[in-house]
Structures are given as C-alpha cells and as structure tokens.
Protein backbone atom coordinates (compact mmCIF):
# COMPACT_ATOMS: atom_id res chain seq x y z
CA MET A 1 0.00 0.00 0.00
CA THR A 2 1.38 3.39 -0.99
CA PRO A 3 1.14 6.13 1.61
CA ASP A 4 -0.26 8.76 -0.75
CA ARG A 5 -3.59 7.06 -1.41
CA ALA A 6 -5.63 4.52 0.49
CA ALA A 7 -5.78 0.94 -0.72
CA GLY A 8 -9.18 -0.68 -1.06
CA LEU A 9 -11.26 -1.72 1.93
CA ALA A 10 -10.86 -5.48 1.47
CA GLU A 11 -7.13 -5.21 0.73
CA THR A 12 -6.61 -3.02 3.79
CA ALA A 13 -8.47 -5.47 6.02
CA ARG A 14 -6.44 -8.35 4.59
CA ALA A 15 -3.10 -6.57 5.14
CA LEU A 16 -4.02 -5.77 8.75
CA ALA A 17 -5.07 -9.35 9.49
CA ALA A 18 -1.85 -10.64 7.91
CA GLY A 19 0.28 -8.34 10.05
CA GLU A 20 1.71 -6.51 7.02
CA VAL A 21 0.82 -3.09 8.45
CA SER A 22 -0.48 -1.73 11.73
CA SER A 23 -3.72 0.13 12.22
CA ARG A 24 -1.74 2.95 13.84
CA THR A 25 0.33 3.38 10.67
CA LEU A 26 -2.73 3.31 8.43
CA VAL A 27 -4.63 5.82 10.55
CA GLU A 28 -1.63 8.15 10.73
CA ARG A 29 -1.34 8.04 6.94
CA THR A 30 -5.08 8.63 6.59
CA LEU A 31 -4.97 11.65 8.90
CA ALA A 32 -2.00 13.06 6.98
CA ARG A 33 -3.89 12.72 3.68
CA ILE A 34 -6.94 14.43 5.15
CA GLU A 35 -4.85 17.30 6.56
CA ALA A 36 -3.00 17.77 3.27
CA THR A 37 -6.22 18.03 1.23
CA GLN A 38 -8.57 19.78 3.62
CA GLY A 39 -7.62 23.19 2.29
CA THR A 40 -8.42 22.14 -1.29
CA LEU A 41 -11.01 19.33 -1.30
CA ASN A 42 -12.56 20.16 2.09
CA ALA A 43 -14.10 16.69 2.46
CA PHE A 44 -14.39 16.61 6.27
CA ARG A 45 -16.42 18.57 8.81
CA ILE A 46 -14.84 16.76 11.77
CA VAL A 47 -11.49 14.93 11.93
CA ARG A 48 -11.19 12.66 14.99
CA THR A 49 -7.41 12.76 15.25
CA GLU A 50 -6.85 11.77 18.88
CA ALA A 51 -9.85 9.46 19.11
CA ALA A 52 -8.97 7.66 15.87
CA LEU A 53 -5.37 7.10 16.92
CA ALA A 54 -6.54 5.68 20.26
CA GLU A 55 -8.96 3.39 18.44
CA ALA A 56 -6.17 2.30 16.10
CA ASP A 57 -3.93 1.39 19.06
CA ALA A 58 -6.76 -0.65 20.57
CA ALA A 59 -7.26 -2.42 17.23
CA ASP A 60 -3.56 -3.25 17.06
CA ARG A 61 -3.75 -4.85 20.50
CA GLU A 62 -6.67 -6.99 19.34
CA LEU A 63 -4.88 -7.97 16.16
CA ALA A 64 -1.77 -8.92 18.12
CA ALA A 65 -3.92 -11.09 20.39
CA GLY A 66 -5.32 -12.97 17.40
CA THR A 67 -8.74 -11.34 17.29
CA ARG A 68 -10.23 -11.11 13.81
CA ARG A 69 -13.20 -8.97 12.78
CA PRO A 70 -14.19 -7.97 9.23
CA LEU A 71 -12.83 -4.40 9.41
CA LEU A 72 -10.60 -4.57 12.46
CA GLY A 73 -8.32 -1.53 12.39
CA VAL A 74 -9.50 -0.23 9.00
CA PRO A 75 -9.99 3.57 8.79
CA VAL A 76 -13.34 4.66 7.35
CA ALA A 77 -15.44 7.84 7.33
CA VAL A 78 -19.12 8.55 7.88
CA LYS A 79 -21.36 11.39 6.73
CA ASP A 80 -22.16 14.15 9.20
CA ASP A 81 -25.82 13.19 9.50
CA MET A 82 -24.82 10.10 11.51
CA ASP A 83 -24.28 10.14 15.25
CA VAL A 84 -20.76 9.36 16.47
CA ALA A 85 -20.48 9.34 20.26
CA GLY A 86 -18.60 12.35 21.58
CA GLU A 87 -18.99 14.35 18.36
CA PRO A 88 -21.64 16.84 17.20
CA THR A 89 -24.03 16.01 14.37
CA ALA A 90 -24.40 19.31 12.56
CA PHE A 91 -25.83 17.83 9.31
CA GLY A 92 -24.43 20.71 7.30
CA CYS A 93 -25.92 23.40 9.54
CA ALA A 94 -24.11 26.43 10.99
CA GLY A 95 -23.57 26.94 14.71
CA THR A 96 -21.84 25.09 17.53
CA HIS A 97 -23.71 21.86 18.00
CA PRO A 98 -23.61 19.70 21.15
CA ALA A 99 -21.79 16.37 21.17
CA VAL A 100 -24.05 13.34 21.08
CA ALA A 101 -23.87 10.67 23.76
CA ARG A 102 -24.24 7.51 21.67
CA ASP A 103 -23.36 6.13 18.28
CA GLY A 104 -26.16 5.75 15.76
CA GLU A 105 -26.92 2.13 14.96
CA ALA A 106 -25.03 2.09 11.66
CA VAL A 107 -21.91 3.55 13.31
CA ARG A 108 -22.26 1.11 16.21
CA ARG A 109 -22.25 -1.76 13.75
CA LEU A 110 -19.19 -0.42 11.94
CA ARG A 111 -17.39 -0.28 15.28
CA ALA A 112 -18.53 -3.82 16.07
CA ALA A 113 -16.89 -4.89 12.80
CA GLY A 114 -13.68 -3.22 14.04
CA ALA A 115 -13.62 -0.08 11.89
CA VAL A 116 -11.83 3.07 13.04
CA ILE A 117 -13.98 6.16 12.40
CA VAL A 118 -11.48 8.83 11.33
CA GLY A 119 -13.98 11.61 10.80
CA LYS A 120 -17.34 12.92 9.68
CA THR A 121 -17.67 14.15 6.11
CA ASN A 122 -19.29 17.31 4.81
CA THR A 123 -22.88 17.43 3.63
CA CYS A 124 -25.09 20.28 2.49
CA GLU A 125 -27.64 21.68 4.94
CA LEU A 126 -29.99 18.86 6.00
CA GLY A 127 -28.95 16.90 2.92
CA GLN A 128 -31.30 18.71 0.57
CA TRP A 129 -29.23 19.43 -2.52
CA PRO A 130 -26.96 17.67 -5.04
CA PHE A 131 -24.02 19.90 -4.13
CA THR A 132 -21.96 20.04 -0.93
CA GLU A 133 -21.59 23.71 -0.13
CA GLY A 134 -22.76 25.89 2.73
CA SER A 135 -22.01 28.86 4.95
CA ALA A 136 -21.12 26.51 7.79
CA PHE A 137 -18.12 24.85 6.11
CA GLY A 138 -17.53 26.29 2.62
CA ALA A 139 -17.44 24.17 -0.53
CA THR A 140 -16.37 20.55 -0.88
CA ARG A 141 -14.69 20.00 -4.23
CA ASN A 142 -14.47 17.22 -6.76
CA PRO A 143 -11.08 15.42 -6.90
CA TRP A 144 -11.46 15.01 -10.67
CA ASN A 145 -11.75 18.77 -11.15
CA PRO A 146 -11.83 21.03 -8.08
CA GLU A 147 -13.77 23.68 -10.01
CA HIS A 148 -16.75 21.30 -9.90
CA THR A 149 -18.89 19.86 -7.14
CA PRO A 150 -18.58 16.20 -6.12
CA GLY A 151 -22.37 16.21 -5.82
CA GLY A 152 -24.47 15.85 -2.74
CA SER A 153 -25.61 15.44 -0.28
CA SER A 154 -22.97 12.78 0.49
CA GLY A 155 -20.37 14.85 -1.34
CA GLY A 156 -17.82 14.82 1.45
CA SER A 157 -17.86 11.02 1.64
CA ALA A 158 -17.58 10.75 -2.15
CA ALA A 159 -14.70 13.23 -2.35
CA ALA A 160 -12.85 11.46 0.46
CA VAL A 161 -13.12 8.06 -1.22
CA ALA A 162 -12.45 9.26 -4.76
CA ALA A 163 -9.34 11.13 -3.64
CA GLY A 164 -8.04 8.08 -1.79
CA LEU A 165 -8.24 9.65 1.66
CA VAL A 166 -10.18 6.63 2.98
CA PRO A 167 -10.95 3.30 1.30
CA ALA A 168 -14.73 3.58 1.79
CA ALA A 169 -17.34 5.70 3.54
CA LEU A 170 -20.96 5.74 4.60
CA GLY A 171 -23.39 8.23 3.09
CA SER A 172 -27.14 8.62 3.04
CA ASP A 173 -29.54 8.74 0.11
CA GLY A 174 -32.90 10.54 0.23
CA ALA A 175 -33.21 11.56 -3.43
CA GLY A 176 -30.00 10.14 -4.87
CA SER A 177 -27.60 11.50 -2.25
CA VAL A 178 -25.30 8.45 -2.43
CA ARG A 179 -25.80 7.64 -6.10
CA ILE A 180 -25.42 11.21 -7.43
CA PRO A 181 -22.03 11.93 -5.82
CA ALA A 182 -20.89 8.41 -6.69
CA SER A 183 -21.79 9.16 -10.31
CA TRP A 184 -19.94 12.47 -10.31
CA THR A 185 -16.77 11.09 -8.66
CA HIS A 186 -16.39 7.73 -10.51
CA LEU A 187 -17.40 5.51 -7.58
CA VAL A 188 -19.69 2.63 -6.80
CA GLY A 189 -22.54 3.85 -4.61
CA ILE A 190 -25.09 1.51 -3.05
CA LYS A 191 -28.52 2.75 -2.01
CA PRO A 192 -29.85 -0.34 -0.22
CA GLN A 193 -33.36 -1.49 0.56
CA ARG A 194 -35.10 0.70 3.15
CA GLY A 195 -34.13 -0.61 6.59
CA ARG A 196 -31.10 -2.57 5.38
CA VAL A 197 -28.79 -0.14 7.20
CA SER A 198 -30.49 1.36 10.22
CA THR A 199 -31.07 5.11 10.41
CA TRP A 200 -31.62 4.86 14.18
CA PRO A 201 -31.98 7.00 16.36
CA ARG A 202 -34.58 7.88 13.72
CA GLY A 203 -36.71 4.89 12.88
CA GLU A 204 -37.57 6.60 9.62
CA SER A 205 -35.50 9.38 8.15
CA PHE A 206 -37.37 11.98 6.08
CA GLN A 207 -40.62 10.01 6.25
CA GLY A 208 -38.90 6.84 5.04
CA ILE A 209 -37.33 8.16 1.84
CA THR A 210 -33.77 8.40 3.22
CA VAL A 211 -31.58 5.35 3.75
CA ASN A 212 -27.92 4.90 4.66
CA GLY A 213 -25.61 3.51 1.99
CA THR A 214 -21.99 2.97 1.00
CA LEU A 215 -19.40 4.50 -1.34
CA ALA A 216 -16.21 2.80 -2.55
CA ARG A 217 -14.08 2.43 -5.67
CA THR A 218 -15.07 -1.22 -6.24
CA VAL A 219 -18.26 -3.23 -5.97
CA GLY A 220 -16.59 -5.62 -3.54
CA ASP A 221 -15.52 -2.84 -1.18
CA ALA A 222 -18.96 -1.18 -1.27
CA ALA A 223 -20.56 -4.56 -0.54
CA LEU A 224 -18.13 -5.28 2.31
CA LEU A 225 -18.97 -1.98 3.99
CA LEU A 226 -22.67 -2.67 3.43
CA ASP A 227 -22.36 -6.04 5.16
CA ALA A 228 -20.57 -4.41 8.10
CA ALA A 229 -23.14 -1.63 8.53
CA SER A 230 -26.28 -3.67 7.86
CA GLY A 231 -28.72 -4.62 10.58
CA ASN A 232 -31.39 -3.16 12.76
CA HIS A 233 -32.06 -1.53 16.06
CA ASP A 234 -34.75 -3.31 18.07
CA LEU A 235 -37.18 -0.44 17.44
CA ASP A 236 -36.61 -0.05 13.70
CA PRO A 237 -39.92 -0.15 11.79
CA HIS A 238 -38.35 -1.58 8.59
CA ARG A 239 -36.50 -4.89 8.96
CA PRO A 240 -35.75 -6.48 5.58
CA PRO A 241 -34.50 -10.07 5.40
CA ALA A 242 -30.72 -10.36 5.75
CA ILE A 243 -28.48 -10.65 2.69
CA ASP A 244 -24.81 -11.47 2.13
CA ALA A 245 -23.75 -8.65 -0.16
CA SER A 246 -20.13 -9.77 -0.40
CA ALA A 247 -21.10 -13.28 -1.48
CA ALA A 248 -23.29 -11.82 -4.22
CA VAL A 249 -20.30 -10.03 -5.73
CA GLY A 250 -18.73 -13.35 -6.66
CA ARG A 251 -21.84 -14.86 -8.29
CA ASP A 252 -22.73 -14.98 -11.97
CA PRO A 253 -25.94 -12.97 -12.39
CA GLY A 254 -27.13 -15.20 -15.22
CA ARG A 255 -28.72 -13.88 -18.40
CA LEU A 256 -30.91 -10.94 -17.44
CA ARG A 257 -33.64 -8.89 -19.09
CA ILE A 258 -32.55 -5.25 -18.70
CA ALA A 259 -34.71 -2.22 -19.40
CA LEU A 260 -32.76 0.81 -20.61
CA ALA A 261 -34.81 3.69 -19.18
CA LEU A 262 -33.66 7.01 -20.64
CA LYS A 263 -36.84 9.05 -20.18
CA PRO A 264 -36.90 11.11 -16.96
CA PRO A 265 -39.79 10.41 -14.57
CA PHE A 266 -42.55 12.99 -14.45
CA THR A 267 -41.35 16.33 -13.14
CA ALA A 268 -43.12 19.67 -12.91
CA VAL A 269 -40.32 21.43 -14.78
CA PRO A 270 -38.36 20.33 -17.87
CA ALA A 271 -35.50 17.85 -17.56
CA ARG A 272 -33.33 16.88 -20.52
CA LEU A 273 -30.69 14.19 -20.70
CA ALA A 274 -27.38 15.73 -21.78
CA PRO A 275 -26.03 14.08 -24.96
CA GLU A 276 -22.65 13.33 -23.37
CA VAL A 277 -24.34 11.52 -20.47
CA ARG A 278 -26.74 9.66 -22.74
CA ALA A 279 -23.82 8.45 -24.85
CA ARG A 280 -22.03 6.95 -21.86
CA VAL A 281 -25.16 5.22 -20.54
CA VAL A 282 -26.00 3.77 -23.95
CA GLU A 283 -22.40 2.59 -24.20
CA LEU A 284 -22.81 0.82 -20.84
CA ALA A 285 -25.98 -0.81 -22.16
CA SER A 286 -23.94 -2.10 -25.10
CA HIS A 287 -21.44 -3.63 -22.70
CA LEU A 288 -24.29 -5.39 -20.89
CA ALA A 289 -25.60 -6.73 -24.18
CA GLY A 290 -22.09 -7.92 -25.00
CA LEU A 291 -22.07 -9.84 -21.73
CA GLY A 292 -25.10 -11.77 -22.95
CA HIS A 293 -27.94 -9.83 -21.37
CA GLU A 294 -31.11 -8.90 -23.23
CA VAL A 295 -31.28 -5.09 -23.28
CA GLU A 296 -34.12 -3.01 -24.71
CA GLU A 297 -35.42 0.50 -24.18
CA ALA A 298 -38.37 0.60 -21.78
CA ASP A 299 -39.45 3.00 -19.04
CA PRO A 300 -41.05 2.01 -15.73
CA PRO A 301 -44.66 3.23 -15.33
CA TYR A 302 -43.79 5.99 -12.87
CA GLY A 303 -46.92 8.06 -13.44
CA ARG A 304 -46.99 11.16 -11.24
CA ILE A 305 -44.79 9.66 -8.54
CA GLY A 306 -43.37 13.11 -7.79
CA LEU A 307 -46.62 14.08 -6.10
CA THR A 308 -45.84 11.52 -3.39
CA PHE A 309 -42.20 12.59 -2.99
CA VAL A 310 -42.64 16.27 -2.19
CA PRO A 311 -44.81 15.88 0.96
CA ARG A 312 -42.45 13.27 2.41
CA ALA A 313 -39.27 15.22 1.63
CA THR A 314 -40.52 18.58 2.90
CA ALA A 315 -42.19 17.11 5.99
CA GLY A 316 -38.85 15.49 6.78
CA ILE A 317 -37.09 18.83 6.48
CA ALA A 318 -39.70 20.39 8.78
CA GLU A 319 -38.99 17.70 11.39
CA TRP A 320 -35.25 18.44 11.34
CA VAL A 321 -35.78 22.20 11.40
CA ALA A 322 -38.04 21.86 14.45
CA GLU A 323 -35.05 20.36 16.30
CA ALA A 324 -32.38 22.73 14.92
CA PRO A 325 -30.56 24.54 17.75
CA PHE A 326 -29.88 27.62 15.59
CA PRO A 327 -32.90 28.08 13.27
CA ALA A 328 -31.96 31.70 12.50
CA LEU A 329 -28.72 30.47 10.89
CA LEU A 330 -30.47 28.15 8.44
CA ASP A 331 -30.45 28.85 4.71
CA PRO A 332 -33.61 30.71 3.62
CA ARG A 333 -34.30 27.82 1.22
CA THR A 334 -34.32 25.43 4.17
CA ARG A 335 -36.78 27.56 6.07
CA GLY A 336 -38.99 27.79 2.98
CA ALA A 337 -38.95 24.01 2.51
CA ALA A 338 -39.84 23.55 6.18
CA ARG A 339 -42.81 25.90 5.83
CA LEU A 340 -44.05 23.85 2.88
CA GLY A 341 -43.47 20.66 4.86
CA ARG A 342 -45.61 21.93 7.70
CA LEU A 343 -48.41 22.72 5.23
CA LEU A 344 -48.17 19.28 3.64
CA GLY A 345 -47.62 17.38 6.88
CA GLY A 346 -51.27 16.41 7.43
CA ALA A 347 -53.58 14.89 4.84
CA PRO A 348 -51.18 15.28 1.87
CA LEU A 349 -48.45 13.41 3.76
CA ARG A 350 -50.83 10.63 4.76
CA ALA A 351 -51.99 10.30 1.15
CA ALA A 352 -48.40 10.21 -0.06
CA ARG A 353 -47.56 7.42 2.37
CA ARG A 354 -50.63 5.40 1.34
CA ALA A 355 -49.71 5.80 -2.33
CA GLU A 356 -46.51 3.82 -1.84
CA ALA A 357 -48.37 0.50 -1.86
CA VAL A 358 -50.08 1.43 -5.15
CA LEU A 359 -46.73 2.36 -6.65
CA HIS A 360 -45.21 -0.91 -5.47
CA ARG A 361 -47.88 -2.86 -7.31
CA ARG A 362 -47.74 -0.80 -10.50
CA ILE A 363 -43.98 -0.47 -10.83
CA GLY A 364 -43.45 -3.92 -9.37
CA GLY A 365 -45.44 -5.30 -12.29
CA PHE A 366 -42.76 -3.92 -14.62
CA PHE A 367 -40.38 -6.48 -13.12
CA ALA A 368 -42.48 -9.29 -14.48
CA SER A 369 -40.99 -8.35 -17.86
CA TYR A 370 -37.56 -7.12 -16.75
CA ASP A 371 -35.07 -8.11 -14.07
CA VAL A 372 -33.15 -4.83 -13.80
CA VAL A 373 -33.55 -1.22 -14.91
CA LEU A 374 -30.51 0.61 -16.28
CA ALA A 375 -30.95 4.39 -16.12
CA PRO A 376 -28.77 7.48 -16.02
CA THR A 377 -27.95 8.48 -12.46
CA THR A 378 -28.01 12.17 -13.43
CA ALA A 379 -29.05 14.07 -16.53
CA ALA A 380 -25.94 16.24 -16.55
CA PRO A 381 -22.26 16.15 -15.54
CA PRO A 382 -21.24 17.73 -12.21
CA PRO A 383 -21.93 21.50 -12.13
CA ARG A 384 -19.34 24.07 -11.24
CA ILE A 385 -18.84 25.08 -7.62
CA GLY A 386 -21.31 27.82 -6.73
CA ALA A 387 -23.67 27.19 -9.66
CA MET A 388 -26.61 26.49 -7.35
CA MET A 389 -25.41 27.99 -4.09
CA ASN A 390 -26.97 31.45 -4.28
CA LEU A 391 -30.16 30.71 -6.17
CA SER A 392 -33.65 31.28 -4.80
CA GLY A 393 -35.60 28.31 -3.53
CA PHE A 394 -37.63 27.99 -6.74
CA ALA A 395 -34.57 28.42 -8.97
CA THR A 396 -32.67 25.84 -6.91
CA ASP A 397 -35.49 23.33 -7.31
CA ARG A 398 -35.56 23.91 -11.08
CA ALA A 399 -31.79 23.46 -11.34
CA ILE A 400 -31.87 20.28 -9.23
CA ILE A 401 -34.67 18.74 -11.27
CA ALA A 402 -32.88 19.59 -14.52
CA ALA A 403 -29.61 18.01 -13.36
CA CYS A 404 -30.90 15.12 -11.23
CA PRO A 405 -34.35 13.85 -12.29
CA TYR A 406 -33.59 10.12 -12.27
CA ALA A 407 -32.66 8.99 -8.77
CA TRP A 408 -35.48 9.99 -6.39
CA PRO A 409 -38.29 7.60 -7.47
CA TRP A 410 -36.43 4.67 -5.92
CA ASN A 411 -36.41 6.56 -2.61
CA VAL A 412 -40.21 6.73 -2.71
CA LEU A 413 -40.32 3.00 -3.42
CA GLY A 414 -37.67 2.13 -0.84
CA TRP A 415 -36.00 -0.33 -3.23
CA PRO A 416 -32.27 -0.84 -3.95
CA GLY A 417 -30.15 0.91 -6.54
CA VAL A 418 -26.44 0.84 -7.36
CA ASN A 419 -24.51 3.56 -9.18
CA VAL A 420 -21.70 2.30 -11.38
CA PRO A 421 -19.15 4.46 -13.21
CA ALA A 422 -20.16 4.95 -16.86
CA GLY A 423 -17.12 6.88 -18.05
CA PHE A 424 -16.28 10.51 -18.63
CA THR A 425 -17.45 13.50 -20.63
CA PRO A 426 -15.11 14.95 -23.28
CA ASP A 427 -14.05 17.44 -20.56
CA GLY A 428 -12.97 14.59 -18.27
CA LEU A 429 -15.85 14.82 -15.79
CA PRO A 430 -17.25 11.52 -14.44
CA VAL A 431 -20.79 10.36 -15.10
CA GLY A 432 -22.59 7.26 -13.86
CA ALA A 433 -25.49 4.93 -14.45
CA GLN A 434 -27.74 3.25 -11.95
CA LEU A 435 -28.83 -0.36 -11.80
CA LEU A 436 -32.27 -0.46 -10.19
CA GLY A 437 -34.24 -3.44 -8.93
CA PRO A 438 -37.38 -4.40 -7.02
CA ALA A 439 -37.58 -5.03 -3.29
CA HIS A 440 -34.61 -6.85 -1.70
CA SER A 441 -32.72 -7.14 -5.00
CA GLU A 442 -29.30 -6.00 -3.77
CA PRO A 443 -27.67 -9.41 -4.44
CA LEU A 444 -28.77 -9.38 -8.09
CA LEU A 445 -27.72 -5.76 -8.63
CA LEU A 446 -24.33 -6.33 -7.00
CA SER A 447 -23.59 -9.46 -9.01
CA LEU A 448 -24.43 -7.58 -12.21
CA ALA A 449 -22.35 -4.56 -11.17
CA ALA A 450 -19.41 -6.84 -10.37
CA GLN A 451 -19.71 -8.51 -13.77
CA LEU A 452 -19.51 -5.08 -15.44
CA GLU A 453 -16.60 -4.07 -13.23
CA ALA A 454 -14.63 -7.20 -14.21
CA GLU A 455 -14.84 -6.11 -17.84
CA LEU A 456 -14.47 -2.34 -17.51
CA ARG A 457 -12.06 -2.20 -14.55
CA TRP A 458 -13.13 1.35 -13.71
CA TYR A 459 -11.25 1.27 -10.40
CA GLU A 460 -7.96 1.48 -12.27
CA THR A 461 -8.69 5.10 -13.28
CA ARG A 462 -8.12 7.57 -10.45
CA PRO A 463 -8.25 11.36 -10.17
CA PRO A 464 -5.22 13.36 -11.26
CA GLU A 465 -2.74 14.23 -8.56
CA THR A 466 -2.95 17.85 -9.69
CA ALA A 467 -6.32 18.03 -7.91
CA GLY A 468 -4.44 18.17 -4.64
CA VAL A 469 -4.79 14.55 -3.59
CA GLN A 470 -1.15 13.53 -3.40
CA THR A 471 0.43 13.84 0.03
CA PRO A 472 3.87 13.19 1.46
CA ALA A 473 4.74 9.83 2.92
CA VAL A 474 4.30 9.43 6.67
C-alpha cells in the first residue's frame, strides 16, 4: 500500500489481518492525507485525530492477540448526518452543536466490525441538494476537477473516497444523495433497501425516503462496507431479510432482461438528458448486451410519482428544522422548505404514504418483464462550484430537477439501486449509471455490477494528482 492514497477496503483489512501493516500506521497516513487536502477538497467537517489514533492502538492490540473482525483496524469515514459518540451532528448546519452521547446504529455496527472512524464528512444543509456547499463549512470540491462539485448530499464522503483519503465511507440517500455523488466522482454507490442499514436513532429518516448507503471504488468494497453496517435496532420499523452482499459479488448474475430507461420520470419542470451523459449510458448498455444480457429500451410506469415525494421530503425537512438549535442560521431555502413541509404534513403526507403500496404494485409489475432497470444516475455532468449555491428556492429546485431527475423515485419505493461508473465526458468529468431493482434485490444488482466491473475495470482510473490529492509519505 502506498502512503499517498488509500488501498481498497478489502485489501486493507487483509493486510491488517496478515500483520503486514499496523492500524496505527494506516490511521496516521489517513490523517496526513486528510490534513494535506482539507484546504483544497474540504471533504471533512470533523477529523477525529486523537480518538482515531486511540482506536487504532486498541485495534492493534486486538490484532496482536489474534482477534479477527471484518474491518478490524480499517480507517473509514461517515457522513455528518450520523451520530458518532462524543462528536456533534451538525448535518451541514451552521452553529456550535452539542456532542451526542451515543453512536447511531449504523456507526455502532461499523465499530462492532472493528472499523476506526477517522472523521465525519461534509454534507449540504440537512442533505437537501446535489451539491456540498454551505455557509457553515464552505465548498467541498471534486477530486477530478476542483472547479466542480462532487455532488451531494454525500459529497464529502464521495470526495474522500475518490481522492483516496479513505478506502470507503458511509453516506445517506434521500433523493440520490449516495448515487449522485458516486456518479460524479467515478465511484460505486449503493442505495440499499429501506431498513437494510439502520437510520436509528430515527426509525424513519425523512418520512422513510432516506436510507444509509456505501461509497467505494469497487463493488466488492462497497458490498463489504454494506455487510458491516447492515442490521437493525430493536425499534426499527423496517427490517428487511438479511443478505450477504459480499457473497453476491462473486456470483454470476445469469442472463438478465434489462430495461434501458432514458426518459426522466414525471417532473413539474423540464428535464433533458445531456447528450454526453446519454452516450455513456448507452455505451454501458452495449457492454451489458455484450455480456449476454437482453437489453431493450423501456421505461417504468412511474406516473406522477413526484406528487408523493414532495410531501415526504418537505415534511422530513420540517422535522429536522423543528429540532435545529440555531434556526436563524439556516439557509432561507431550508426555512422555505420547512414551511411547505408543515403545510403538507397532514392529509397530503398521509396520502403520499398510502400511495406507496399502489406504486409498489404498479412499478413492481414492470419487473415481471424485466429483471433490472438501467438508467442514467443524473441528466448532466457535475456542475461548477457555486452554480446552485446562491439561487432562490424555486430556482434551486428547477436546477436540481434539470440536473438530477432520475434517482429519487427509488427513494419513494424504498427499493435498492447501485450507481456504477459509466465513463467521462469529453471534458474529463465523471458520469454514472444506476442499476435499479425491485424489493430486496441487492444481491442481483451487485452481481451484475461486479460482472460489469470485471470487464471495464473502472477502479484502475483515479483522479489526477494535480487536484491536490497527493500527500507526502508518513
């Protein structure tokens, strides 16, 4: 493992278990990489220097004693909407926030697997937007081109993994917030089935549309982190049957019927697929056909699914705003969304929740004809830093819908999706495609993603060192 960039998650875990490197050394290198890039990429809100080194020393003692756990001693990062004991959870908001007393369930499970949490990554305010910028922390930048955003709202996690600061990270996805930054930073991003990775201490996050997921450079690493984080708190309302994501990576998916869905779902404002993104997604479809799958253009019967998304999303924002310790410091767009959420939080929200079962039946019927949907993850490449930062609420919504109309329906459904790298625009900016399936289909999606990865080997292409990601040896 070279000191300037992190090795993969599985390789790091293997090297630790084999005694080839100590956790202390790995964490020191990780912290040095973070420090060297914080002034340029700005991926982290909180760096747990002393705590992470202490956890690394404890992991080394366990390793020396012969203890083996899946991620024992491996440095990872989590998004700053997840509770880490002893640290604040600001969720992109300004102000000095109190430290929380206990780990959230997903973080607790990562620790149980032996992971060392080196820090909490930046996210936009309450995770609302596909860019990671805010008055509280500045702008997080894309390692492929620091003039552009890595996406959002899990942009800090994506930037950290893409730049090689950490081998993998947790994010959360409420309208594409794992898949969009994965697409724009050339990563694998897994949005799992609702409840697969607990969002406790919130049984449902944003009225059930937000789930926790994983980002990594390879399908195997994203699956390994998913296995480590998966599971439920006793009070979780959604408890899907257990899967073995890592085992699925090694399985042949068989010959599949794949629907290439290029038409954006219904939106109230226009959304157009950029030609350079379309070309890469169609090229990926050709690769799938070359692997023996049956691929044809077909669009799921979404109908007016957006009418069920807005009440859930805005009511979720209203819930967070009601608990915000510094409401006067919130972005005016956040306060506007919260006002709308309070208006829609009664009968419209109840109707939106009831509609999910109807959508499951209608869109689920599509999977009688197809096994997997292949769709663009975004309609456009990553925008420039600041392109959406100072817009009005209405203008921001229009810009978001235009750039990112494809990801959010699967949040309404609660079903799994996996972003895979689809290549680059002529300007060298990454774009991605998402593999989407019905309920509990993570194993199928991961086996298909791994089959693509074996052919395309996207993990071999990494951001240029000129983006500020190379650091001195420790």
